[in-house]
Amino acid sequence: MAYSDRELLARLIECEAGGEGDTGMKAVAGVVMNRVTVSGGEYARLGKGSIRNIIFQPYQFVCASETEGGVYNPQNIYNMNPTQVHYDIADWAIAGNRLPDVADSLWFYNPFSASCRARFPSDVGYLQIKIGDHCFYNPTNAYYKT
C-alpha cells in the first residue's frame, strides 16, 4: 500500500531534520510545502499540489532515495518510524503554517560547516537563515524562469 502524503511528509521530516528540534523540523516541512504551493518555476510545474511529486523529484532529498551513488542508503523514508511530533508538524505544515524566518524558502541543505553559502542552488536561491545544521534559501527572480 502506498503511503499517504501526510505519512510521506512525516517520514521526510524525521529523516531530514529529526535531530533539529521542533523549529528545524518545522522549517524543513515548510520548504516541502512551499514547493507544493509555489506559483511559478520548476516546482510549480512539477508539484501541481502534490507532496508526493515534490518529495520524489529526483536528486532533491537524500532521504527519498534508497540508494546514493549506487550504494544502499539506510537513512531513507522507508526506514523511518515517525512519532506523534512528526505527524503533528506534518499536519501543521499541510494546514498552511510556516515559520516566519523560512516563509518563502524553497531549499535547505546541511553544509557540514559553520557557515552557509550565499547562494544555493546556483543563483536561484539566496540565503535566508541558518537553523540548527541547515541553511535555508529563498528564491530569487531567476528561480521563476526555471
Protein backbone atom coordinates (compact mmCIF):
# COMPACT_ATOMS: atom_id res chain seq x y z
CA MET A 1 0.00 0.00 0.00
CA ALA A 2 1.33 3.45 -0.91
CA TYR A 3 1.98 5.94 1.86
CA SER A 4 -0.34 8.95 2.16
CA ASP A 5 1.08 12.43 1.63
CA ARG A 6 0.88 13.00 5.38
CA GLU A 7 2.85 9.83 6.06
CA LEU A 8 5.49 10.71 3.45
CA LEU A 9 5.91 14.19 4.89
CA ALA A 10 6.17 12.90 8.48
CA ARG A 11 8.81 10.39 7.40
CA LEU A 12 10.76 13.02 5.47
CA ILE A 13 10.65 15.38 8.45
CA GLU A 14 12.05 12.69 10.72
CA CYS A 15 14.71 11.67 8.23
CA GLU A 16 15.90 15.13 7.15
CA ALA A 17 15.54 17.02 10.45
CA GLY A 18 14.75 14.58 13.25
CA GLY A 19 17.66 15.85 15.33
CA GLU A 20 16.96 19.54 14.72
CA GLY A 21 14.19 20.07 17.27
CA ASP A 22 10.70 21.40 16.55
CA THR A 23 11.97 24.57 14.86
CA GLY A 24 14.27 22.69 12.49
CA MET A 25 11.60 20.12 11.67
CA LYS A 26 9.01 22.85 11.01
CA ALA A 27 11.46 24.68 8.76
CA VAL A 28 12.09 21.54 6.67
CA ALA A 29 8.36 20.79 6.46
CA GLY A 30 7.76 24.38 5.37
CA VAL A 31 10.23 24.03 2.49
CA VAL A 32 8.43 20.94 1.20
CA MET A 33 5.05 22.64 1.39
CA ASN A 34 6.42 25.84 -0.16
CA ARG A 35 7.47 23.76 -3.15
CA VAL A 36 3.97 22.26 -3.34
CA THR A 37 2.30 25.68 -3.35
CA VAL A 38 4.82 27.95 -5.15
CA SER A 39 3.22 29.90 -8.00
CA GLY A 40 5.96 29.57 -10.60
CA GLY A 41 9.16 27.91 -11.71
CA GLU A 42 10.21 24.28 -11.72
CA TYR A 43 8.37 23.21 -8.57
CA ALA A 44 5.06 24.72 -9.69
CA ARG A 45 5.22 22.65 -12.88
CA LEU A 46 6.32 19.50 -11.08
CA GLY A 47 4.36 19.74 -7.86
CA LYS A 48 0.88 20.57 -9.07
CA GLY A 49 -0.17 20.50 -5.43
CA SER A 50 1.36 17.07 -4.81
CA ILE A 51 3.53 16.38 -1.78
CA ARG A 52 4.43 13.01 -3.31
CA ASN A 53 5.69 14.59 -6.55
CA ILE A 54 7.81 17.09 -4.64
CA ILE A 55 9.32 14.53 -2.26
CA PHE A 56 10.16 12.06 -5.01
CA GLN A 57 11.56 14.56 -7.51
CA PRO A 58 14.96 13.04 -8.34
CA TYR A 59 18.04 14.42 -6.57
CA GLN A 60 16.15 16.70 -4.19
CA PHE A 61 16.01 14.88 -0.85
CA VAL A 62 18.62 12.27 0.07
CA CYS A 63 16.07 10.66 2.36
CA ALA A 64 13.72 9.97 -0.56
CA SER A 65 16.35 7.81 -2.23
CA GLU A 66 17.00 4.18 -1.35
CA THR A 67 20.42 4.41 -2.99
CA GLU A 68 23.02 7.16 -3.15
CA GLY A 69 25.95 6.81 -5.53
CA GLY A 70 24.97 3.22 -6.26
CA VAL A 71 25.12 2.25 -2.56
CA TYR A 72 22.15 1.43 -0.33
CA ASN A 73 21.06 4.44 1.73
CA PRO A 74 19.87 3.10 5.11
CA GLN A 75 18.62 6.54 6.13
CA ASN A 76 15.63 6.71 3.81
CA ILE A 77 11.96 7.42 4.41
CA TYR A 78 11.06 3.74 4.22
CA ASN A 79 13.21 3.02 7.27
CA MET A 80 11.80 5.84 9.38
CA ASN A 81 9.39 5.35 12.27
CA PRO A 82 7.71 8.71 12.76
CA THR A 83 6.32 9.59 16.16
CA GLN A 84 3.44 11.88 17.03
CA VAL A 85 5.63 15.00 16.85
CA HIS A 86 6.48 14.26 13.20
CA TYR A 87 2.80 13.81 12.33
CA ASP A 88 1.87 16.97 14.27
CA ILE A 89 4.46 19.00 12.34
CA ALA A 90 3.35 17.47 9.04
CA ASP A 91 -0.27 18.43 9.86
CA TRP A 92 0.87 21.92 10.89
CA ALA A 93 2.68 22.46 7.56
CA ILE A 94 -0.07 20.90 5.41
CA ALA A 95 -2.53 23.31 7.08
CA GLY A 96 -0.51 26.21 5.62
CA ASN A 97 1.56 27.19 8.64
CA ARG A 98 5.16 28.38 8.17
CA LEU A 99 7.88 29.76 10.40
CA PRO A 100 8.26 33.48 9.62
CA ASP A 101 12.02 33.14 9.01
CA VAL A 102 11.55 30.49 6.31
CA ALA A 103 8.16 31.56 4.97
CA ASP A 104 9.31 31.60 1.32
CA SER A 105 12.24 29.17 1.41
CA LEU A 106 12.36 26.53 -1.32
CA TRP A 107 15.68 24.91 -0.42
CA PHE A 108 17.68 23.75 2.56
CA TYR A 109 20.90 21.88 2.97
CA ASN A 110 23.39 20.91 5.63
CA PRO A 111 26.80 22.38 4.72
CA PHE A 112 28.59 20.34 7.41
CA SER A 113 30.36 23.57 8.38
CA ALA A 114 29.65 26.64 10.49
CA SER A 115 28.83 28.85 7.51
CA CYS A 116 26.32 28.75 4.67
CA ARG A 117 26.88 29.56 1.03
CA ALA A 118 25.38 32.90 -0.03
CA ARG A 119 23.56 31.30 -2.99
CA PHE A 120 22.05 27.83 -3.35
CA PRO A 121 21.45 26.12 -5.69
CA SER A 122 23.49 28.21 -8.11
CA ASP A 123 21.99 31.71 -8.34
CA VAL A 124 18.30 30.90 -7.98
CA GLY A 125 18.26 30.97 -4.18
CA TYR A 126 19.71 33.39 -1.63
CA LEU A 127 20.50 32.65 1.99
CA GLN A 128 17.64 33.46 4.32
CA ILE A 129 18.71 31.90 7.63
CA LYS A 130 20.56 29.03 9.27
CA ILE A 131 18.56 26.94 11.72
CA GLY A 132 20.44 24.23 13.53
CA ASP A 133 22.64 22.49 10.99
CA HIS A 134 20.58 23.54 7.95
CA CYS A 135 20.81 26.61 5.72
CA PHE A 136 17.53 27.85 4.21
CA TYR A 137 17.23 29.70 0.91
CA ASN A 138 14.53 31.89 -0.61
CA PRO A 139 14.04 32.09 -4.38
CA THR A 140 15.47 34.93 -6.46
CA ASN A 141 13.61 36.23 -9.51
CA ALA A 142 15.80 33.89 -11.59
CA TYR A 143 14.11 30.87 -9.98
CA TYR A 144 10.78 31.76 -11.60
CA LYS A 145 12.42 31.41 -15.04
CA THR A 146 13.39 27.79 -14.36
